[in-house]
Amino acid sequence: MFRRITILTALLFVVILAAGCFANNRVSLWPSNDEALTTILVKKPAHHTDNRVLLLDIEGPISEWGESRLFHQTEPTTTIVRAKLEKAMQDPRIKAVVLRINSPGGTVTGTDIVYTQLKKYKNTAKVPFVASFMGLAASGGYYVACAADRIYAHPTTLTGSIGVLIHSFGFAGLFQKIGMESRVIKAGKMKDMGNPFAQMSDEERAIWQGIVDDAYERFISVVAEGRPNLTVDKIRELADGRIYTATQAKKLGLVDQIGDLEDAIGEAMRLANIRDAGVILYSTSERPEQNIYSRTDAAAPQITLGFSGLSMDELLDAGRPRFYYMWMGF
């Protein structure tokens, strides 16, 4: 009897682990859409002061949808950022914000929502923003950084990738080989545009290209607003989708300085005209490490673009066109 209970307990442990319940060092047997954010002091001020600098993470792929697993739910990036900004709005001690960005970008809409939320908070709270790039701040990661007053890049940062893409899979040739066909009854010539089981026509491609071009123009306008030192023509020259090293980005005017996170925090205090401040972050974790490189325990959802061993529902989902401000090399 005892052996049976032990085996069942071990199996339950494996199932919970596989379901992702131990992600971010937390066990959550039931999904929670409203986990309380705790204010964590990750760097004490040198002297007594109520001034605070908020360390706000933009981490991983940016998206407006989350992930649900058996025992664990990941909130969308948009939800996480909004919750933290709402909490920050209630704290008058916050004199500056440092955006710690480590992201390849993400969906077009999710990225733009995050950017807009940052701009609204910045304009309402009247506090300076400094972006601090970690290992990767590409495409949508760079897009959201354009809400900042200054951009610092770590010496090993990869950034840039200014551009937009639409990603989908086509299975028409595969279906022909296995003797299957797609049967669509429609009203409206382009109603099934993007059907992964049909060949894309030149007319459809032109329509998709027009949509991508509009999203690209939005990206260009955001960079032009955030980087007034660059002309629109210069931005277009740089915005061919390629990535840049920190040194290259500094030389081209895409970032202001090369420095680490502490340098960015120091610049944020300088812009806020304060000499000292405690650095805080908002976290759902109960006991994070007490330093500025602590994680917030609120990772963004993962966006998967590959397909391997998919079910039919997953195959259909993979074939749906989606628009991304994202570097594909992460």
Protein backbone atom coordinates (compact mmCIF):
# COMPACT_ATOMS: atom_id res chain seq x y z
CA MET A 1 0.00 0.00 0.00
CA PHE A 2 2.79 2.42 0.98
CA ARG A 3 4.68 1.56 -2.21
CA ARG A 4 1.58 2.29 -4.33
CA ILE A 5 1.11 5.69 -2.67
CA THR A 6 4.78 6.50 -3.25
CA ILE A 7 4.53 5.61 -6.94
CA LEU A 8 1.36 7.65 -7.40
CA THR A 9 2.96 10.62 -5.63
CA ALA A 10 6.02 10.39 -7.87
CA LEU A 11 3.85 10.23 -10.99
CA LEU A 12 1.87 13.28 -9.85
CA PHE A 13 5.14 15.14 -9.28
CA VAL A 14 6.31 14.34 -12.83
CA VAL A 15 2.97 15.44 -14.33
CA ILE A 16 3.05 18.73 -12.45
CA LEU A 17 6.66 19.34 -13.45
CA ALA A 18 5.93 18.61 -17.11
CA ALA A 19 2.96 20.97 -17.04
CA GLY A 20 5.22 23.83 -16.15
CA CYS A 21 4.06 24.39 -12.61
CA PHE A 22 7.60 24.91 -11.42
CA ALA A 23 8.37 27.55 -14.03
CA ASN A 24 9.76 30.71 -12.47
CA ASN A 25 10.36 28.87 -9.17
CA ARG A 26 6.68 28.90 -8.22
CA VAL A 27 4.13 26.11 -7.85
CA SER A 28 0.63 27.04 -8.95
CA LEU A 29 -1.94 24.25 -8.93
CA TRP A 30 -4.63 26.55 -10.29
CA PRO A 31 -4.24 29.36 -12.83
CA SER A 32 -4.50 32.86 -11.46
CA ASN A 33 -5.34 35.84 -13.65
CA ASP A 34 -4.76 38.39 -10.89
CA GLU A 35 -1.65 37.52 -8.93
CA ALA A 36 -0.67 40.34 -6.60
CA LEU A 37 2.44 42.28 -7.53
CA THR A 38 4.93 42.72 -4.72
CA THR A 39 7.27 45.71 -4.57
CA ILE A 40 10.84 44.48 -4.18
CA LEU A 41 13.72 46.79 -3.29
CA VAL A 42 16.61 45.42 -5.37
CA LYS A 43 19.08 48.22 -4.70
CA LYS A 44 19.09 50.28 -1.53
CA PRO A 45 19.82 54.01 -1.73
CA ALA A 46 23.18 55.14 -0.39
CA HIS A 47 21.43 57.68 1.85
CA HIS A 48 17.99 57.99 3.36
CA THR A 49 15.56 59.00 0.62
CA ASP A 50 12.08 58.13 -0.54
CA ASN A 51 13.06 58.47 -4.21
CA ARG A 52 12.55 55.34 -6.30
CA VAL A 53 13.58 54.19 -9.77
CA LEU A 54 11.31 51.52 -11.23
CA LEU A 55 13.02 48.70 -13.08
CA LEU A 56 10.50 47.47 -15.66
CA ASP A 57 11.22 44.33 -17.67
CA ILE A 58 10.30 43.69 -21.29
CA GLU A 59 11.45 40.09 -21.55
CA GLY A 60 11.01 37.40 -24.17
CA PRO A 61 8.62 37.47 -27.14
CA ILE A 62 6.06 40.27 -26.87
CA SER A 63 2.47 39.22 -27.39
CA GLU A 64 -1.11 40.16 -26.64
CA TRP A 65 -2.03 36.57 -25.83
CA GLY A 66 -0.79 34.24 -23.10
CA GLU A 67 -0.42 30.51 -22.70
CA SER A 68 -2.57 28.08 -20.76
CA ARG A 69 -1.27 24.74 -19.55
CA LEU A 70 -2.76 22.10 -17.33
CA PHE A 71 -1.80 23.75 -14.05
CA HIS A 72 -0.13 26.97 -15.12
CA GLN A 73 -1.04 30.11 -17.03
CA THR A 74 1.27 32.71 -18.51
CA GLU A 75 -0.13 36.20 -18.85
CA PRO A 76 0.26 38.20 -22.09
CA THR A 77 3.05 40.77 -22.14
CA THR A 78 0.44 43.49 -22.54
CA THR A 79 -1.33 42.40 -19.34
CA ILE A 80 1.90 42.20 -17.34
CA VAL A 81 3.11 45.64 -18.42
CA ARG A 82 -0.29 47.25 -17.87
CA ALA A 83 -0.56 45.84 -14.34
CA LYS A 84 2.89 47.14 -13.40
CA LEU A 85 2.26 50.60 -14.83
CA GLU A 86 -1.05 50.85 -12.98
CA LYS A 87 0.76 50.00 -9.74
CA ALA A 88 3.50 52.51 -10.54
CA MET A 89 0.90 55.22 -11.09
CA GLN A 90 -0.10 54.87 -7.43
CA ASP A 91 3.45 55.46 -6.17
CA PRO A 92 4.56 59.11 -6.22
CA ARG A 93 8.03 58.10 -5.00
CA ILE A 94 8.89 56.82 -8.49
CA LYS A 95 11.01 59.50 -10.13
CA ALA A 96 12.26 57.56 -13.17
CA VAL A 97 11.79 54.29 -15.04
CA VAL A 98 14.45 52.00 -16.50
CA LEU A 99 13.19 49.62 -19.20
CA ARG A 100 15.30 46.47 -19.00
CA ILE A 101 14.79 44.96 -22.43
CA ASN A 102 15.80 41.46 -23.43
CA SER A 103 13.47 40.59 -26.30
CA PRO A 104 13.53 39.58 -29.99
CA GLY A 105 10.28 41.49 -30.51
CA GLY A 106 6.89 39.93 -31.07
CA THR A 107 3.50 40.46 -32.63
CA VAL A 108 2.76 43.77 -34.31
CA THR A 109 -0.25 44.57 -32.16
CA GLY A 110 1.20 43.33 -28.87
CA THR A 111 4.36 45.39 -29.45
CA ASP A 112 2.41 48.53 -30.29
CA ILE A 113 0.15 48.13 -27.25
CA VAL A 114 3.15 47.91 -24.93
CA TYR A 115 4.75 50.95 -26.59
CA THR A 116 1.52 52.96 -26.26
CA GLN A 117 1.10 51.99 -22.59
CA LEU A 118 4.64 53.13 -21.84
CA LYS A 119 4.10 56.45 -23.60
CA LYS A 120 0.84 57.08 -21.76
CA TYR A 121 2.39 56.41 -18.36
CA LYS A 122 5.43 58.53 -19.20
CA ASN A 123 3.28 61.49 -20.28
CA THR A 124 0.98 61.19 -17.28
CA ALA A 125 3.58 60.58 -14.57
CA LYS A 126 6.03 63.09 -16.08
CA VAL A 127 9.06 60.93 -15.30
CA PRO A 128 12.09 60.18 -17.51
CA PHE A 129 12.52 56.80 -19.17
CA VAL A 130 15.85 55.13 -19.92
CA ALA A 131 16.03 51.88 -21.92
CA SER A 132 18.73 49.38 -20.97
CA PHE A 133 19.38 46.70 -23.59
CA MET A 134 20.58 43.34 -22.34
CA GLY A 135 21.57 40.51 -24.70
CA LEU A 136 18.89 41.16 -27.31
CA ALA A 137 16.70 44.15 -28.10
CA ALA A 138 15.66 43.54 -31.67
CA SER A 139 12.69 44.50 -33.82
CA GLY A 140 9.74 44.92 -31.43
CA GLY A 141 12.26 45.04 -28.58
CA TYR A 142 13.76 48.12 -30.21
CA TYR A 143 10.28 49.45 -31.05
CA VAL A 144 9.22 49.67 -27.39
CA ALA A 145 12.58 51.24 -26.47
CA CYS A 146 11.64 54.20 -28.62
CA ALA A 147 9.34 55.30 -25.79
CA ALA A 148 12.47 56.08 -23.76
CA ASP A 149 14.36 59.36 -23.52
CA ARG A 150 17.73 57.63 -23.69
CA ILE A 151 18.89 54.19 -24.80
CA TYR A 152 21.83 52.32 -23.25
CA ALA A 153 23.10 49.10 -24.81
CA HIS A 154 25.21 46.49 -23.06
CA PRO A 155 28.52 45.99 -24.94
CA THR A 156 27.35 42.58 -26.18
CA THR A 157 23.81 43.61 -27.16
CA LEU A 158 22.30 42.72 -30.52
CA THR A 159 19.73 45.24 -31.65
CA GLY A 160 18.07 46.73 -34.72
CA SER A 161 16.15 44.37 -37.01
CA ILE A 162 13.81 47.24 -37.84
CA GLY A 163 11.17 45.76 -40.10
CA VAL A 164 8.03 43.66 -40.21
CA LEU A 165 7.11 40.25 -41.56
CA ILE A 166 4.10 38.07 -41.99
CA HIS A 167 4.68 34.43 -41.20
CA SER A 168 2.64 31.40 -42.21
CA PHE A 169 3.04 27.91 -43.65
CA GLY A 170 1.66 26.56 -46.89
CA PHE A 171 0.62 22.92 -47.22
CA ALA A 172 -0.92 22.87 -50.71
CA GLY A 173 1.88 20.78 -52.22
CA LEU A 174 1.80 18.33 -49.33
CA PHE A 175 -1.95 17.84 -49.67
CA GLN A 176 -1.61 17.15 -53.40
CA LYS A 177 1.00 14.47 -52.72
CA ILE A 178 -1.18 12.65 -50.21
CA GLY A 179 -4.36 13.00 -52.26
CA MET A 180 -6.16 15.57 -50.16
CA GLU A 181 -7.76 18.87 -51.12
CA SER A 182 -9.05 21.99 -49.40
CA ARG A 183 -12.78 22.64 -49.96
CA VAL A 184 -13.86 26.21 -49.23
CA ILE A 185 -17.29 27.69 -49.87
CA LYS A 186 -17.07 31.46 -49.68
CA ALA A 187 -18.83 34.73 -50.36
CA GLY A 188 -16.21 37.33 -51.16
CA LYS A 189 -13.33 36.76 -53.51
CA MET A 190 -10.62 37.16 -50.86
CA LYS A 191 -12.49 35.69 -47.91
CA ASP A 192 -10.12 32.72 -47.62
CA MET A 193 -6.98 34.72 -48.33
CA GLY A 194 -4.18 33.08 -46.39
CA ASN A 195 -5.65 29.57 -46.62
CA PRO A 196 -2.57 27.40 -45.95
CA PHE A 197 -3.97 24.59 -48.10
CA ALA A 198 -4.20 26.66 -51.28
CA GLN A 199 -1.55 28.28 -53.45
CA MET A 200 -1.07 32.01 -52.81
CA SER A 201 -2.01 34.07 -55.88
CA ASP A 202 -0.15 37.17 -57.05
CA GLU A 203 -3.15 39.28 -56.09
CA GLU A 204 -3.20 37.86 -52.57
CA ARG A 205 0.54 38.40 -52.21
CA ALA A 206 0.13 42.05 -53.23
CA ILE A 207 -2.58 42.55 -50.59
CA TRP A 208 -0.43 40.99 -47.89
CA GLN A 209 2.50 43.13 -48.99
CA GLY A 210 0.38 46.25 -48.63
CA ILE A 211 -0.51 45.32 -45.06
CA VAL A 212 3.12 44.63 -44.22
CA ASP A 213 4.16 47.95 -45.76
CA ASP A 214 1.64 49.81 -43.58
CA ALA A 215 3.02 48.14 -40.44
CA TYR A 216 6.53 48.99 -41.62
CA GLU A 217 5.59 52.67 -41.97
CA ARG A 218 4.25 52.58 -38.41
CA PHE A 219 7.60 51.22 -37.23
CA ILE A 220 9.49 53.95 -39.11
CA SER A 221 7.30 56.67 -37.56
CA VAL A 222 7.85 55.29 -34.05
CA VAL A 223 11.63 55.25 -34.53
CA ALA A 224 11.55 58.77 -36.02
CA GLU A 225 9.67 60.05 -32.97
CA GLY A 226 11.97 58.31 -30.51
CA ARG A 227 15.21 59.12 -32.33
CA PRO A 228 14.94 62.78 -33.41
CA ASN A 229 18.66 62.77 -34.16
CA LEU A 230 17.95 60.57 -37.20
CA THR A 231 16.20 61.70 -40.37
CA VAL A 232 13.44 59.53 -41.81
CA ASP A 233 15.62 58.83 -44.86
CA LYS A 234 18.46 57.66 -42.60
CA ILE A 235 16.07 55.44 -40.63
CA ARG A 236 14.83 53.84 -43.85
CA GLU A 237 18.42 53.18 -44.83
CA LEU A 238 19.03 51.41 -41.51
CA ALA A 239 15.65 49.66 -41.43
CA ASP A 240 16.28 46.78 -43.81
CA GLY A 241 15.75 44.17 -41.10
CA ARG A 242 19.39 43.55 -40.25
CA ILE A 243 20.69 43.41 -36.68
CA TYR A 244 23.50 45.54 -35.32
CA THR A 245 26.03 45.14 -32.54
CA ALA A 246 26.05 47.68 -29.73
CA THR A 247 29.09 49.40 -31.22
CA GLN A 248 27.47 49.63 -34.65
CA ALA A 249 24.18 50.85 -33.20
CA LYS A 250 25.96 53.58 -31.22
CA LYS A 251 27.86 54.74 -34.31
CA LEU A 252 24.64 54.81 -36.37
CA GLY A 253 22.66 56.72 -33.73
CA LEU A 254 20.26 53.91 -32.84
CA VAL A 255 21.44 53.97 -29.21
CA ASP A 256 22.87 56.79 -27.12
CA GLN A 257 25.48 55.05 -25.00
CA ILE A 258 27.15 51.71 -24.44
CA GLY A 259 26.91 50.76 -20.79
CA ASP A 260 25.51 48.30 -18.30
CA LEU A 261 22.32 48.37 -16.27
CA GLU A 262 23.87 50.42 -13.47
CA ASP A 263 24.95 53.04 -16.00
CA ALA A 264 21.35 53.24 -17.25
CA ILE A 265 20.04 53.61 -13.68
CA GLY A 266 22.54 56.40 -13.07
CA GLU A 267 21.39 58.18 -16.23
CA ALA A 268 17.76 57.83 -15.17
CA MET A 269 18.53 59.54 -11.87
CA ARG A 270 20.44 62.29 -13.66
CA LEU A 271 17.49 62.96 -15.96
CA ALA A 272 15.18 63.03 -12.93
CA ASN A 273 17.49 65.53 -11.18
CA ILE A 274 17.95 63.29 -8.16
CA ARG A 275 21.24 62.26 -6.59
CA ASP A 276 20.11 59.03 -4.98
CA ALA A 277 17.25 56.53 -5.14
CA GLY A 278 16.28 53.02 -4.27
CA VAL A 279 15.69 50.72 -7.24
CA ILE A 280 12.49 48.67 -7.16
CA LEU A 281 10.78 46.12 -9.35
CA TYR A 282 7.37 44.52 -9.24
CA SER A 283 7.25 40.76 -8.95
CA THR A 284 4.85 37.91 -8.26
CA SER A 285 7.73 35.98 -6.71
CA GLU A 286 7.83 35.93 -2.93
CA ARG A 287 11.59 35.78 -2.46
CA PRO A 288 13.65 36.98 -5.44
CA GLU A 289 17.34 37.71 -5.06
CA GLN A 290 17.89 41.23 -3.74
CA ASN A 291 19.88 42.84 -6.55
CA ILE A 292 19.23 44.78 -9.75
CA TYR A 293 19.63 41.69 -11.91
CA SER A 294 16.76 39.91 -10.17
CA ARG A 295 14.01 38.59 -12.40
CA THR A 296 10.45 39.78 -12.06
CA ASP A 297 9.01 36.26 -12.23
CA ALA A 298 6.59 37.36 -14.93
CA ALA A 299 7.95 35.90 -18.13
CA ALA A 300 6.29 36.71 -21.42
CA PRO A 301 4.54 33.99 -23.42
CA GLN A 302 6.55 32.01 -25.92
CA ILE A 303 5.77 32.37 -29.61
CA THR A 304 6.57 29.20 -31.55
CA LEU A 305 6.84 29.37 -35.31
CA GLY A 306 7.96 25.83 -36.09
CA PHE A 307 5.91 22.70 -36.41
CA SER A 308 6.91 19.20 -35.48
CA GLY A 309 4.52 16.42 -34.60
CA LEU A 310 1.55 18.79 -34.63
CA SER A 311 -2.07 17.79 -34.35
CA MET A 312 -4.48 18.95 -37.06
CA ASP A 313 -5.64 21.86 -34.89
CA GLU A 314 -2.03 22.90 -34.31
CA LEU A 315 -1.28 22.48 -38.02
CA LEU A 316 -4.16 24.80 -38.88
CA ASP A 317 -3.00 27.29 -36.29
CA ALA A 318 0.57 27.23 -37.66
CA GLY A 319 -0.75 28.00 -41.12
CA ARG A 320 -2.63 31.14 -40.07
CA PRO A 321 -0.84 34.34 -41.16
CA ARG A 322 0.41 36.49 -38.27
CA PHE A 323 2.26 39.78 -38.35
CA TYR A 324 5.47 40.24 -36.39
CA TYR A 325 7.94 42.90 -35.39
CA MET A 326 10.39 40.15 -34.53
CA TRP A 327 13.92 39.03 -35.35
CA MET A 328 13.77 35.44 -36.55
CA GLY A 329 17.28 34.48 -35.41
CA PHE A 330 16.66 34.29 -31.66
